[in-house]
Structures are given as structure tokens and as C-alpha cells.
Amino acid sequence: MVRLLCPACQEMMRPVELGEVTVDECRFCDGLWLDRDEPEQLAKMDILGKHLLQPINFDDSKKKKSQGERICPRCEKALRVYKHNDVEVDICGTCRGMFLDRWELQKLLQ
């Protein structure tokens, strides 16, 4: 299994089991990386609720300006910042993986 670098702090992330799904967590900044299908899998198991299952508008006109370029740990492309349920999340336009900072995840689950 490939260990991923955290897009926020560049530390190695570790795989964590959430039910039957393995996600990547940064133990330094508490960020969470979700691969393309993982939000849907977690929502089906009601682990993170249905909040992450709602569609994200990938229209580039809705894209927010990032405060510093974060890189996708899977394909090494720049992450884009999108607003999702009033929370700004980092999403890879290529592989559609999603990075959530600790506070972003908490806001999505409220």
C-alpha cells in the first residue's frame, strides 16, 4: 500500500479503517483524504452521514481561489477549492479525490 503525503502539511498520512472503507488520515493536522468513491461508500454505511454524498458543483466559475497550492497525494495535480454545503473543500479535478481539513469535516457533519 502506498503511503500518501498530506496536502496540508506534507507529512505521511496513515490508512484508517472507517467501517469497511480505508481512508487516509494525517495524524499531524487531522486532515482526511477521501478517494473518489469513498464519500459515497461512507454515506451508505452512515459513517459520515449523507452530507458528503450531495453533488459538488465542479463549474470552474464557482471555484474559489486557493490560499496556497495544495497537491493531490494520488496524482500530484493541484487541488482546487470548491464550496460544498458552505464549506470550502479541496478536490482534485483529475481523480476527484477530496481533502478535508479537520475543521471542514466537523462543519460538514453539523
C-alpha atoms as a PDB file:
ATOM      1  CA  MET A   1       0.000   0.000   0.000  1.00  0.00           C
ATOM      2  CA  VAL A   2       1.326   3.415  -0.974  1.00  0.00           C
ATOM      3  CA  ARG A   3       1.591   5.968   1.835  1.00  0.00           C
ATOM      4  CA  LEU A   4       0.311   9.376   0.812  1.00  0.00           C
ATOM      5  CA  LEU A   5       1.647  12.823   1.668  1.00  0.00           C
ATOM      6  CA  CYS A   6      -0.821  15.133   3.379  1.00  0.00           C
ATOM      7  CA  PRO A   7      -1.761  18.020   1.066  1.00  0.00           C
ATOM      8  CA  ALA A   8      -1.873  20.420   4.037  1.00  0.00           C
ATOM      9  CA  CYS A   9       1.319  19.705   5.986  1.00  0.00           C
ATOM     10  CA  GLN A  10       3.306  17.304   3.738  1.00  0.00           C
ATOM     11  CA  GLU A  11       3.554  14.638   6.468  1.00  0.00           C
ATOM     12  CA  MET A  12       2.889  10.977   5.716  1.00  0.00           C
ATOM     13  CA  MET A  13      -0.743  10.021   6.104  1.00  0.00           C
ATOM     14  CA  ARG A  14      -1.797   6.683   7.524  1.00  0.00           C
ATOM     15  CA  PRO A  15      -4.581   4.372   6.402  1.00  0.00           C
ATOM     16  CA  VAL A  16      -7.531   4.261   8.801  1.00  0.00           C
ATOM     17  CA  GLU A  17     -10.472   1.880   8.667  1.00  0.00           C
ATOM     18  CA  LEU A  18     -13.903   3.508   8.822  1.00  0.00           C
ATOM     19  CA  GLY A  19     -16.206   0.541   8.711  1.00  0.00           C
ATOM     20  CA  GLU A  20     -15.303  -1.334   5.535  1.00  0.00           C
ATOM     21  CA  VAL A  21     -13.642   1.681   3.894  1.00  0.00           C
ATOM     22  CA  THR A  22      -9.981   2.599   4.241  1.00  0.00           C
ATOM     23  CA  VAL A  23      -9.356   6.352   4.158  1.00  0.00           C
ATOM     24  CA  ASP A  24      -6.114   8.258   4.692  1.00  0.00           C
ATOM     25  CA  GLU A  25      -5.668  10.393   7.798  1.00  0.00           C
ATOM     26  CA  CYS A  26      -2.917  12.795   8.775  1.00  0.00           C
ATOM     27  CA  ARG A  27      -2.026  12.321  12.419  1.00  0.00           C
ATOM     28  CA  PHE A  28      -0.274  15.698  12.491  1.00  0.00           C
ATOM     29  CA  CYS A  29      -3.021  18.034  11.237  1.00  0.00           C
ATOM     30  CA  ASP A  30      -6.033  15.645  11.433  1.00  0.00           C
ATOM     31  CA  GLY A  31      -6.760  16.103   7.728  1.00  0.00           C
ATOM     32  CA  LEU A  32      -8.612  13.361   5.873  1.00  0.00           C
ATOM     33  CA  TRP A  33      -8.155  12.210   2.265  1.00  0.00           C
ATOM     34  CA  LEU A  34     -11.105  10.507   0.582  1.00  0.00           C
ATOM     35  CA  ASP A  35     -10.663   8.840  -2.796  1.00  0.00           C
ATOM     36  CA  ARG A  36     -13.349   9.353  -5.435  1.00  0.00           C
ATOM     37  CA  ASP A  37     -15.859   6.685  -4.328  1.00  0.00           C
ATOM     38  CA  GLU A  38     -15.186   6.751  -0.593  1.00  0.00           C
ATOM     39  CA  PRO A  39     -17.662   9.527   0.365  1.00  0.00           C
ATOM     40  CA  GLU A  40     -20.484   7.528  -1.229  1.00  0.00           C
ATOM     41  CA  GLN A  41     -19.356   4.290   0.453  1.00  0.00           C
ATOM     42  CA  LEU A  42     -19.175   6.011   3.850  1.00  0.00           C
ATOM     43  CA  ALA A  43     -22.581   7.623   3.365  1.00  0.00           C
ATOM     44  CA  LYS A  44     -24.143   4.249   2.550  1.00  0.00           C
ATOM     45  CA  MET A  45     -22.766   2.887   5.828  1.00  0.00           C
ATOM     46  CA  ASP A  46     -23.985   6.053   7.593  1.00  0.00           C
ATOM     47  CA  ILE A  47     -20.490   6.646   8.986  1.00  0.00           C
ATOM     48  CA  LEU A  48     -20.197  10.255   7.866  1.00  0.00           C
ATOM     49  CA  GLY A  49     -23.869  10.810   7.206  1.00  0.00           C
ATOM     50  CA  LYS A  50     -25.229  11.853   3.826  1.00  0.00           C
ATOM     51  CA  HIS A  51     -23.503  15.270   3.759  1.00  0.00           C
ATOM     52  CA  LEU A  52     -20.591  14.215   1.546  1.00  0.00           C
ATOM     53  CA  LEU A  53     -22.880  12.427  -0.891  1.00  0.00           C
ATOM     54  CA  GLN A  54     -24.545  15.614  -2.125  1.00  0.00           C
ATOM     55  CA  PRO A  55     -23.283  16.637  -5.562  1.00  0.00           C
ATOM     56  CA  ILE A  56     -20.437  19.103  -5.780  1.00  0.00           C
ATOM     57  CA  ASN A  57     -20.629  21.764  -8.479  1.00  0.00           C
ATOM     58  CA  PHE A  58     -17.370  21.442 -10.415  1.00  0.00           C
ATOM     59  CA  ASP A  59     -18.123  24.519 -12.538  1.00  0.00           C
ATOM     60  CA  ASP A  60     -14.829  26.416 -12.644  1.00  0.00           C
ATOM     61  CA  SER A  61     -16.704  29.695 -12.302  1.00  0.00           C
ATOM     62  CA  LYS A  62     -17.664  28.506  -8.789  1.00  0.00           C
ATOM     63  CA  LYS A  63     -14.095  27.583  -7.955  1.00  0.00           C
ATOM     64  CA  LYS A  64     -12.553  29.529  -5.096  1.00  0.00           C
ATOM     65  CA  LYS A  65      -9.063  30.916  -5.207  1.00  0.00           C
ATOM     66  CA  SER A  66      -6.789  28.739  -3.088  1.00  0.00           C
ATOM     67  CA  GLN A  67      -4.619  30.301  -0.406  1.00  0.00           C
ATOM     68  CA  GLY A  68      -1.623  28.203  -1.307  1.00  0.00           C
ATOM     69  CA  GLU A  69      -1.340  25.417  -3.771  1.00  0.00           C
ATOM     70  CA  ARG A  70      -2.075  22.010  -2.336  1.00  0.00           C
ATOM     71  CA  ILE A  71      -1.122  18.952  -4.331  1.00  0.00           C
ATOM     72  CA  CYS A  72      -3.184  15.798  -4.786  1.00  0.00           C
ATOM     73  CA  PRO A  73      -1.487  12.914  -2.963  1.00  0.00           C
ATOM     74  CA  ARG A  74      -2.673  10.453  -5.640  1.00  0.00           C
ATOM     75  CA  CYS A  75      -1.927  12.104  -8.986  1.00  0.00           C
ATOM     76  CA  GLU A  76       0.202  15.082  -7.898  1.00  0.00           C
ATOM     77  CA  LYS A  77      -2.001  17.672  -9.641  1.00  0.00           C
ATOM     78  CA  ALA A  78      -3.011  20.941  -7.976  1.00  0.00           C
ATOM     79  CA  LEU A  79      -6.122  20.658  -5.818  1.00  0.00           C
ATOM     80  CA  ARG A  80      -8.982  23.048  -6.471  1.00  0.00           C
ATOM     81  CA  VAL A  81     -11.031  24.649  -3.714  1.00  0.00           C
ATOM     82  CA  TYR A  82     -14.798  24.309  -4.095  1.00  0.00           C
ATOM     83  CA  LYS A  83     -17.614  25.383  -1.835  1.00  0.00           C
ATOM     84  CA  HIS A  84     -19.729  22.420  -0.689  1.00  0.00           C
ATOM     85  CA  ASN A  85     -22.559  22.963   1.800  1.00  0.00           C
ATOM     86  CA  ASP A  86     -20.990  26.313   2.776  1.00  0.00           C
ATOM     87  CA  VAL A  87     -17.646  24.611   3.460  1.00  0.00           C
ATOM     88  CA  GLU A  88     -14.610  25.017   1.220  1.00  0.00           C
ATOM     89  CA  VAL A  89     -13.096  21.632   0.356  1.00  0.00           C
ATOM     90  CA  ASP A  90     -10.007  20.735  -1.682  1.00  0.00           C
ATOM     91  CA  ILE A  91     -10.792  18.490  -4.638  1.00  0.00           C
ATOM     92  CA  CYS A  92      -8.605  17.055  -7.360  1.00  0.00           C
ATOM     93  CA  GLY A  93     -10.003  17.883 -10.787  1.00  0.00           C
ATOM     94  CA  THR A  94      -8.286  14.817 -12.229  1.00  0.00           C
ATOM     95  CA  CYS A  95      -9.003  11.915  -9.845  1.00  0.00           C
ATOM     96  CA  ARG A  96     -11.864  13.607  -7.907  1.00  0.00           C
ATOM     97  CA  GLY A  97     -10.285  12.778  -4.556  1.00  0.00           C
ATOM     98  CA  MET A  98     -11.227  15.092  -1.680  1.00  0.00           C
ATOM     99  CA  PHE A  99      -9.129  16.514   1.151  1.00  0.00           C
ATOM    100  CA  LEU A 100     -10.853  17.763   4.279  1.00  0.00           C
ATOM    101  CA  ASP A 101      -9.107  19.794   6.926  1.00  0.00           C
ATOM    102  CA  ARG A 102     -10.133  18.899  10.474  1.00  0.00           C
ATOM    103  CA  TRP A 103     -12.489  21.876  10.775  1.00  0.00           C
ATOM    104  CA  GLU A 104     -14.018  21.305   7.358  1.00  0.00           C
ATOM    105  CA  LEU A 105     -15.084  17.784   8.274  1.00  0.00           C
ATOM    106  CA  GLN A 106     -16.637  18.982  11.528  1.00  0.00           C
ATOM    107  CA  LYS A 107     -18.573  21.709   9.694  1.00  0.00           C
ATOM    108  CA  LEU A 108     -19.866  19.237   7.096  1.00  0.00           C
ATOM    109  CA  LEU A 109     -21.122  16.918   9.831  1.00  0.00           C
ATOM    110  CA  GLN A 110     -23.028  19.618  11.741  1.00  0.00           C
END
